[in-house]
Amino acid sequence: MKRFDSPADLSSRPASELYGMMSSFNELGKMMPDQIENWDSTEDFCSFSIRNMAEISLRYQEKIPNSEVQIVSEKAPFQLRLTIRIKEFDNKKVQCITTLEADLNPMLSMLASRPLQHLVDTINRKLTA
């Protein structure tokens, strides 16, 4: 498994607000980078395509209120798990880290590593903005 971690970004939004954004695919879709096209979602399921790469469907595997969500692939050219964790330090600062783990073969790893790192960085940055 190849792992992609975002920087640990801080937000002044409360953990409950960040959790609300990351626990709904309707909201999470607003945080996707430009390469994501044809976004279609419900609260717990989404499908989209990555420009010139692949079509992917995801579902929530676990939601821990105000702490973490885990998202797994339903349909994808490789197995993946996206985890978004938030940690509240006090009432004013919340840390957020987005991690993607993907089962990539060496060839796919060369092609997809940069876009996947960009994906986790973009999600985290937009979530904490």
N, C-alpha and C. Protein backbone atom coordinates (compact mmCIF):
# COMPACT_ATOMS: atom_id res chain seq x y z
N MET A 1 0.83 -1.18 0.00
CA MET A 1 0.00 0.00 0.00
C MET A 1 0.87 1.24 0.00
N LYS A 2 0.56 2.14 -0.88
CA LYS A 2 1.25 3.43 -0.94
C LYS A 2 0.41 4.42 -0.13
N ARG A 3 1.08 5.25 0.64
CA ARG A 3 0.40 6.18 1.54
C ARG A 3 0.73 7.62 1.16
N PHE A 4 -0.32 8.45 1.17
CA PHE A 4 -0.19 9.87 0.87
C PHE A 4 -0.79 10.64 2.04
N ASP A 5 0.01 11.49 2.68
CA ASP A 5 -0.44 12.27 3.83
C ASP A 5 -0.39 13.76 3.50
N SER A 6 -1.43 14.45 3.89
CA SER A 6 -1.42 15.91 3.76
C SER A 6 -0.61 16.49 4.91
N PRO A 7 -0.25 17.76 4.79
CA PRO A 7 0.32 18.43 5.96
C PRO A 7 -0.76 18.52 7.05
N ALA A 8 -0.34 18.68 8.28
CA ALA A 8 -1.28 18.86 9.40
C ALA A 8 -1.67 20.33 9.43
N ASP A 9 -2.81 20.65 8.85
CA ASP A 9 -3.27 22.03 8.78
C ASP A 9 -4.14 22.36 9.99
N LEU A 10 -4.10 23.61 10.41
CA LEU A 10 -4.93 24.08 11.52
C LEU A 10 -6.08 24.91 11.00
N SER A 11 -7.20 24.81 11.69
CA SER A 11 -8.38 25.58 11.34
C SER A 11 -8.94 26.23 12.59
N SER A 12 -9.56 27.38 12.41
CA SER A 12 -10.23 28.03 13.54
C SER A 12 -11.70 27.62 13.61
N ARG A 13 -12.16 26.81 12.66
CA ARG A 13 -13.53 26.30 12.70
C ARG A 13 -13.65 25.25 13.80
N PRO A 14 -14.81 25.14 14.43
CA PRO A 14 -14.98 24.10 15.45
C PRO A 14 -14.97 22.70 14.82
N ALA A 15 -14.60 21.71 15.61
CA ALA A 15 -14.54 20.33 15.12
C ALA A 15 -15.89 19.88 14.58
N SER A 16 -16.97 20.30 15.18
CA SER A 16 -18.31 19.89 14.72
C SER A 16 -18.59 20.40 13.31
N GLU A 17 -18.13 21.59 12.97
CA GLU A 17 -18.33 22.14 11.63
C GLU A 17 -17.48 21.37 10.61
N LEU A 18 -16.21 21.11 10.94
CA LEU A 18 -15.36 20.34 10.04
C LEU A 18 -15.91 18.94 9.83
N TYR A 19 -16.38 18.32 10.91
CA TYR A 19 -16.95 16.98 10.80
C TYR A 19 -18.19 16.99 9.88
N GLY A 20 -19.00 18.00 10.01
CA GLY A 20 -20.18 18.11 9.14
C GLY A 20 -19.80 18.20 7.68
N MET A 21 -18.70 18.87 7.39
CA MET A 21 -18.24 19.01 6.00
C MET A 21 -17.66 17.70 5.48
N MET A 22 -16.93 16.97 6.32
CA MET A 22 -16.25 15.78 5.83
C MET A 22 -17.10 14.52 5.92
N SER A 23 -18.23 14.58 6.60
CA SER A 23 -19.06 13.39 6.75
C SER A 23 -20.22 13.35 5.77
N SER A 24 -20.21 14.22 4.78
CA SER A 24 -21.24 14.25 3.73
C SER A 24 -20.55 14.36 2.37
N PHE A 25 -20.81 13.42 1.49
CA PHE A 25 -20.22 13.51 0.16
C PHE A 25 -20.72 14.74 -0.59
N ASN A 26 -21.92 15.20 -0.28
CA ASN A 26 -22.42 16.42 -0.92
C ASN A 26 -21.51 17.61 -0.58
N GLU A 27 -21.04 17.67 0.66
CA GLU A 27 -20.13 18.74 1.08
C GLU A 27 -18.69 18.46 0.64
N LEU A 28 -18.26 17.21 0.75
CA LEU A 28 -16.89 16.86 0.39
C LEU A 28 -16.63 17.11 -1.09
N GLY A 29 -17.65 16.98 -1.91
CA GLY A 29 -17.50 17.23 -3.35
C GLY A 29 -17.05 18.64 -3.66
N LYS A 30 -17.37 19.58 -2.79
CA LYS A 30 -16.98 20.98 -2.98
C LYS A 30 -15.49 21.20 -2.75
N MET A 31 -14.82 20.20 -2.18
CA MET A 31 -13.40 20.33 -1.85
C MET A 31 -12.49 19.60 -2.82
N MET A 32 -13.04 19.06 -3.89
CA MET A 32 -12.25 18.28 -4.83
C MET A 32 -11.44 19.18 -5.76
N PRO A 33 -10.27 18.70 -6.18
CA PRO A 33 -9.47 19.48 -7.13
C PRO A 33 -10.11 19.52 -8.51
N ASP A 34 -9.59 20.37 -9.38
CA ASP A 34 -10.16 20.58 -10.71
C ASP A 34 -10.18 19.33 -11.58
N GLN A 35 -9.30 18.38 -11.33
CA GLN A 35 -9.22 17.16 -12.16
C GLN A 35 -10.41 16.22 -11.92
N ILE A 36 -11.18 16.46 -10.87
CA ILE A 36 -12.34 15.62 -10.57
C ILE A 36 -13.52 16.13 -11.39
N GLU A 37 -14.12 15.23 -12.16
CA GLU A 37 -15.24 15.59 -13.04
C GLU A 37 -16.41 14.66 -12.78
N ASN A 38 -17.58 15.06 -13.24
CA ASN A 38 -18.80 14.24 -13.19
C ASN A 38 -19.13 13.78 -11.77
N TRP A 39 -18.98 14.66 -10.81
CA TRP A 39 -19.25 14.33 -9.41
C TRP A 39 -20.74 14.08 -9.23
N ASP A 40 -21.09 12.95 -8.64
CA ASP A 40 -22.47 12.61 -8.32
C ASP A 40 -22.46 12.02 -6.92
N SER A 41 -23.32 12.51 -6.03
CA SER A 41 -23.23 12.03 -4.65
C SER A 41 -24.58 12.03 -3.95
N THR A 42 -24.62 11.19 -2.92
CA THR A 42 -25.66 11.22 -1.90
C THR A 42 -24.90 11.49 -0.60
N GLU A 43 -25.56 11.38 0.52
CA GLU A 43 -24.86 11.61 1.79
C GLU A 43 -23.75 10.58 2.03
N ASP A 44 -23.95 9.33 1.60
CA ASP A 44 -23.02 8.25 1.96
C ASP A 44 -22.34 7.57 0.78
N PHE A 45 -22.54 8.04 -0.44
CA PHE A 45 -21.97 7.39 -1.62
C PHE A 45 -21.66 8.47 -2.66
N CYS A 46 -20.56 8.28 -3.41
CA CYS A 46 -20.27 9.21 -4.50
C CYS A 46 -19.60 8.46 -5.64
N SER A 47 -19.71 9.04 -6.81
CA SER A 47 -18.98 8.55 -7.97
C SER A 47 -18.48 9.77 -8.74
N PHE A 48 -17.35 9.58 -9.43
CA PHE A 48 -16.74 10.68 -10.17
C PHE A 48 -15.69 10.09 -11.11
N SER A 49 -15.17 10.94 -11.95
CA SER A 49 -14.04 10.52 -12.79
C SER A 49 -12.89 11.48 -12.56
N ILE A 50 -11.69 10.93 -12.71
CA ILE A 50 -10.48 11.74 -12.65
C ILE A 50 -10.07 11.96 -14.09
N ARG A 51 -9.98 13.20 -14.50
CA ARG A 51 -9.71 13.55 -15.88
C ARG A 51 -8.57 12.71 -16.46
N ASN A 52 -8.86 12.04 -17.56
CA ASN A 52 -7.90 11.21 -18.31
C ASN A 52 -7.33 10.04 -17.51
N MET A 53 -8.02 9.62 -16.43
CA MET A 53 -7.47 8.52 -15.64
C MET A 53 -8.48 7.41 -15.38
N ALA A 54 -9.46 7.64 -14.54
CA ALA A 54 -10.30 6.54 -14.08
C ALA A 54 -11.65 7.03 -13.56
N GLU A 55 -12.58 6.09 -13.47
CA GLU A 55 -13.85 6.33 -12.81
C GLU A 55 -13.81 5.64 -11.46
N ILE A 56 -14.31 6.35 -10.44
CA ILE A 56 -14.22 5.85 -9.07
C ILE A 56 -15.55 6.04 -8.37
N SER A 57 -15.90 5.07 -7.54
CA SER A 57 -17.06 5.16 -6.64
C SER A 57 -16.56 4.92 -5.23
N LEU A 58 -17.05 5.72 -4.30
CA LEU A 58 -16.62 5.63 -2.90
C LEU A 58 -17.82 5.55 -1.98
N ARG A 59 -17.59 4.99 -0.79
CA ARG A 59 -18.62 4.98 0.25
C ARG A 59 -17.94 5.19 1.60
N TYR A 60 -18.72 5.68 2.55
CA TYR A 60 -18.20 5.82 3.91
C TYR A 60 -18.14 4.45 4.55
N GLN A 61 -17.02 4.15 5.18
CA GLN A 61 -16.89 2.91 5.93
C GLN A 61 -17.14 3.16 7.42
N GLU A 62 -16.66 4.30 7.90
CA GLU A 62 -16.82 4.61 9.32
C GLU A 62 -16.86 6.12 9.51
N LYS A 63 -17.70 6.53 10.44
CA LYS A 63 -17.78 7.94 10.83
C LYS A 63 -17.74 8.01 12.34
N ILE A 64 -16.75 8.71 12.87
CA ILE A 64 -16.63 8.92 14.31
C ILE A 64 -16.86 10.42 14.53
N PRO A 65 -17.99 10.79 15.12
CA PRO A 65 -18.35 12.21 15.24
C PRO A 65 -17.22 13.08 15.80
N ASN A 66 -17.01 14.20 15.11
CA ASN A 66 -16.03 15.23 15.50
C ASN A 66 -14.61 14.71 15.63
N SER A 67 -14.31 13.57 14.94
CA SER A 67 -12.98 12.99 15.07
C SER A 67 -12.43 12.45 13.75
N GLU A 68 -13.18 11.58 13.06
CA GLU A 68 -12.61 10.88 11.91
C GLU A 68 -13.69 10.33 10.99
N VAL A 69 -13.38 10.31 9.70
CA VAL A 69 -14.19 9.55 8.73
C VAL A 69 -13.24 8.69 7.92
N GLN A 70 -13.73 7.50 7.55
CA GLN A 70 -12.99 6.61 6.67
C GLN A 70 -13.86 6.33 5.46
N ILE A 71 -13.26 6.49 4.31
CA ILE A 71 -13.94 6.31 3.03
C ILE A 71 -13.19 5.24 2.25
N VAL A 72 -13.92 4.30 1.67
CA VAL A 72 -13.29 3.21 0.90
C VAL A 72 -13.86 3.17 -0.50
N SER A 73 -13.10 2.54 -1.38
CA SER A 73 -13.53 2.44 -2.77
C SER A 73 -14.56 1.33 -2.94
N GLU A 74 -15.55 1.61 -3.76
CA GLU A 74 -16.53 0.62 -4.20
C GLU A 74 -16.14 0.13 -5.58
N LYS A 75 -15.80 1.10 -6.43
CA LYS A 75 -15.37 0.80 -7.80
C LYS A 75 -14.19 1.71 -8.09
N ALA A 76 -13.07 1.09 -8.44
CA ALA A 76 -11.86 1.86 -8.75
C ALA A 76 -10.86 0.91 -9.39
N PRO A 77 -9.89 1.46 -10.12
CA PRO A 77 -8.86 0.58 -10.70
C PRO A 77 -7.90 0.02 -9.65
N PHE A 78 -8.04 0.46 -8.39
CA PHE A 78 -7.22 -0.02 -7.29
C PHE A 78 -8.00 0.21 -6.00
N GLN A 79 -7.68 -0.57 -4.98
CA GLN A 79 -8.31 -0.39 -3.67
C GLN A 79 -7.74 0.86 -3.02
N LEU A 80 -8.62 1.64 -2.40
CA LEU A 80 -8.14 2.81 -1.69
C LEU A 80 -8.95 3.06 -0.44
N ARG A 81 -8.31 3.74 0.50
CA ARG A 81 -8.95 4.18 1.73
C ARG A 81 -8.51 5.62 1.98
N LEU A 82 -9.50 6.49 2.13
CA LEU A 82 -9.26 7.90 2.44
C LEU A 82 -9.72 8.13 3.87
N THR A 83 -8.82 8.64 4.69
CA THR A 83 -9.13 8.91 6.09
C THR A 83 -8.88 10.38 6.37
N ILE A 84 -9.87 11.01 6.97
CA ILE A 84 -9.73 12.41 7.39
C ILE A 84 -9.89 12.43 8.90
N ARG A 85 -8.85 12.94 9.58
CA ARG A 85 -8.85 13.00 11.04
C ARG A 85 -8.80 14.46 11.50
N ILE A 86 -9.59 14.74 12.51
CA ILE A 86 -9.53 16.06 13.13
C ILE A 86 -9.28 15.88 14.62
N LYS A 87 -8.50 16.81 15.15
CA LYS A 87 -8.18 16.78 16.58
C LYS A 87 -8.32 18.19 17.11
N GLU A 88 -9.16 18.35 18.09
CA GLU A 88 -9.39 19.66 18.68
C GLU A 88 -8.41 19.88 19.82
N PHE A 89 -7.64 20.97 19.74
CA PHE A 89 -6.67 21.29 20.77
C PHE A 89 -7.28 22.12 21.89
N ASP A 90 -8.12 23.03 21.51
CA ASP A 90 -8.88 23.82 22.46
C ASP A 90 -10.10 24.32 21.70
N ASN A 91 -10.82 25.23 22.22
CA ASN A 91 -12.01 25.70 21.53
C ASN A 91 -11.72 26.57 20.32
N LYS A 92 -10.43 26.88 20.09
CA LYS A 92 -10.10 27.78 19.00
C LYS A 92 -9.34 27.15 17.86
N LYS A 93 -8.64 26.03 18.06
CA LYS A 93 -7.82 25.44 17.01
C LYS A 93 -8.13 23.96 16.84
N VAL A 94 -8.26 23.55 15.59
CA VAL A 94 -8.50 22.16 15.25
C VAL A 94 -7.49 21.76 14.18
N GLN A 95 -6.82 20.64 14.40
CA GLN A 95 -5.87 20.12 13.43
C GLN A 95 -6.57 19.10 12.53
N CYS A 96 -6.24 19.14 11.25
CA CYS A 96 -6.85 18.22 10.28
C CYS A 96 -5.73 17.59 9.45
N ILE A 97 -5.82 16.25 9.28
CA ILE A 97 -4.88 15.52 8.43
C ILE A 97 -5.69 14.58 7.54
N THR A 98 -5.40 14.61 6.25
CA THR A 98 -6.04 13.73 5.29
C THR A 98 -5.00 12.73 4.79
N THR A 99 -5.38 11.45 4.81
CA THR A 99 -4.48 10.38 4.39
C THR A 99 -5.20 9.50 3.36
N LEU A 100 -4.48 9.14 2.32
CA LEU A 100 -5.00 8.21 1.33
C LEU A 100 -4.03 7.04 1.24
N GLU A 101 -4.56 5.84 1.37
CA GLU A 101 -3.78 4.62 1.19
C GLU A 101 -4.32 3.92 -0.04
N ALA A 102 -3.44 3.59 -0.97
CA ALA A 102 -3.86 3.00 -2.24
C ALA A 102 -2.99 1.79 -2.58
N ASP A 103 -3.63 0.75 -3.06
CA ASP A 103 -2.94 -0.46 -3.47
C ASP A 103 -2.55 -0.31 -4.95
N LEU A 104 -1.39 0.30 -5.17
CA LEU A 104 -0.95 0.62 -6.53
C LEU A 104 0.17 -0.30 -6.98
N ASN A 105 0.07 -0.79 -8.21
CA ASN A 105 1.20 -1.53 -8.77
C ASN A 105 2.27 -0.50 -9.16
N PRO A 106 3.49 -0.93 -9.43
CA PRO A 106 4.57 0.04 -9.70
C PRO A 106 4.27 1.00 -10.86
N MET A 107 3.66 0.50 -11.93
CA MET A 107 3.35 1.37 -13.06
C MET A 107 2.30 2.42 -12.70
N LEU A 108 1.24 1.97 -12.04
CA LEU A 108 0.19 2.89 -11.62
C LEU A 108 0.71 3.87 -10.58
N SER A 109 1.62 3.42 -9.74
CA SER A 109 2.21 4.30 -8.74
C SER A 109 2.93 5.47 -9.40
N MET A 110 3.65 5.19 -10.47
CA MET A 110 4.36 6.27 -11.18
C MET A 110 3.38 7.27 -11.78
N LEU A 111 2.26 6.78 -12.30
CA LEU A 111 1.29 7.65 -12.96
C LEU A 111 0.40 8.41 -11.97
N ALA A 112 0.04 7.75 -10.88
CA ALA A 112 -0.99 8.31 -10.00
C ALA A 112 -0.46 9.01 -8.75
N SER A 113 0.79 8.86 -8.41
CA SER A 113 1.28 9.41 -7.15
C SER A 113 1.11 10.92 -7.05
N ARG A 114 1.48 11.63 -8.06
CA ARG A 114 1.36 13.10 -8.00
C ARG A 114 -0.11 13.54 -7.90
N PRO A 115 -1.03 13.02 -8.75
CA PRO A 115 -2.43 13.42 -8.60
C PRO A 115 -3.04 13.03 -7.25
N LEU A 116 -2.67 11.87 -6.71
CA LEU A 116 -3.23 11.45 -5.42
C LEU A 116 -2.70 12.32 -4.28
N GLN A 117 -1.44 12.70 -4.33
CA GLN A 117 -0.91 13.61 -3.31
C GLN A 117 -1.61 14.97 -3.42
N HIS A 118 -1.81 15.43 -4.64
CA HIS A 118 -2.53 16.69 -4.86
C HIS A 118 -3.95 16.60 -4.30
N LEU A 119 -4.59 15.46 -4.46
CA LEU A 119 -5.95 15.27 -3.95
C LEU A 119 -5.99 15.43 -2.43
N VAL A 120 -5.14 14.74 -1.69
CA VAL A 120 -5.19 14.84 -0.22
C VAL A 120 -4.80 16.25 0.24
N ASP A 121 -3.85 16.87 -0.42
CA ASP A 121 -3.45 18.22 -0.05
C ASP A 121 -4.60 19.21 -0.27
N THR A 122 -5.29 19.07 -1.41
CA THR A 122 -6.39 19.98 -1.75
C THR A 122 -7.56 19.81 -0.78
N ILE A 123 -7.94 18.57 -0.51
CA ILE A 123 -9.04 18.32 0.41
C ILE A 123 -8.73 18.95 1.76
N ASN A 124 -7.55 18.70 2.28
CA ASN A 124 -7.18 19.21 3.60
C ASN A 124 -7.14 20.74 3.63
N ARG A 125 -6.56 21.32 2.60
CA ARG A 125 -6.46 22.78 2.54
C ARG A 125 -7.85 23.43 2.48
N LYS A 126 -8.72 22.90 1.65
CA LYS A 126 -10.07 23.48 1.52
C LYS A 126 -10.91 23.22 2.76
N LEU A 127 -10.71 22.09 3.40
CA LEU A 127 -11.46 21.77 4.61
C LEU A 127 -11.10 22.74 5.74
N THR A 128 -9.84 23.08 5.84
CA THR A 128 -9.40 23.94 6.96
C THR A 128 -9.42 25.43 6.65
N ALA A 129 -9.69 25.79 5.41
CA ALA A 129 -9.68 27.21 5.01
C ALA A 129 -10.76 28.01 5.72
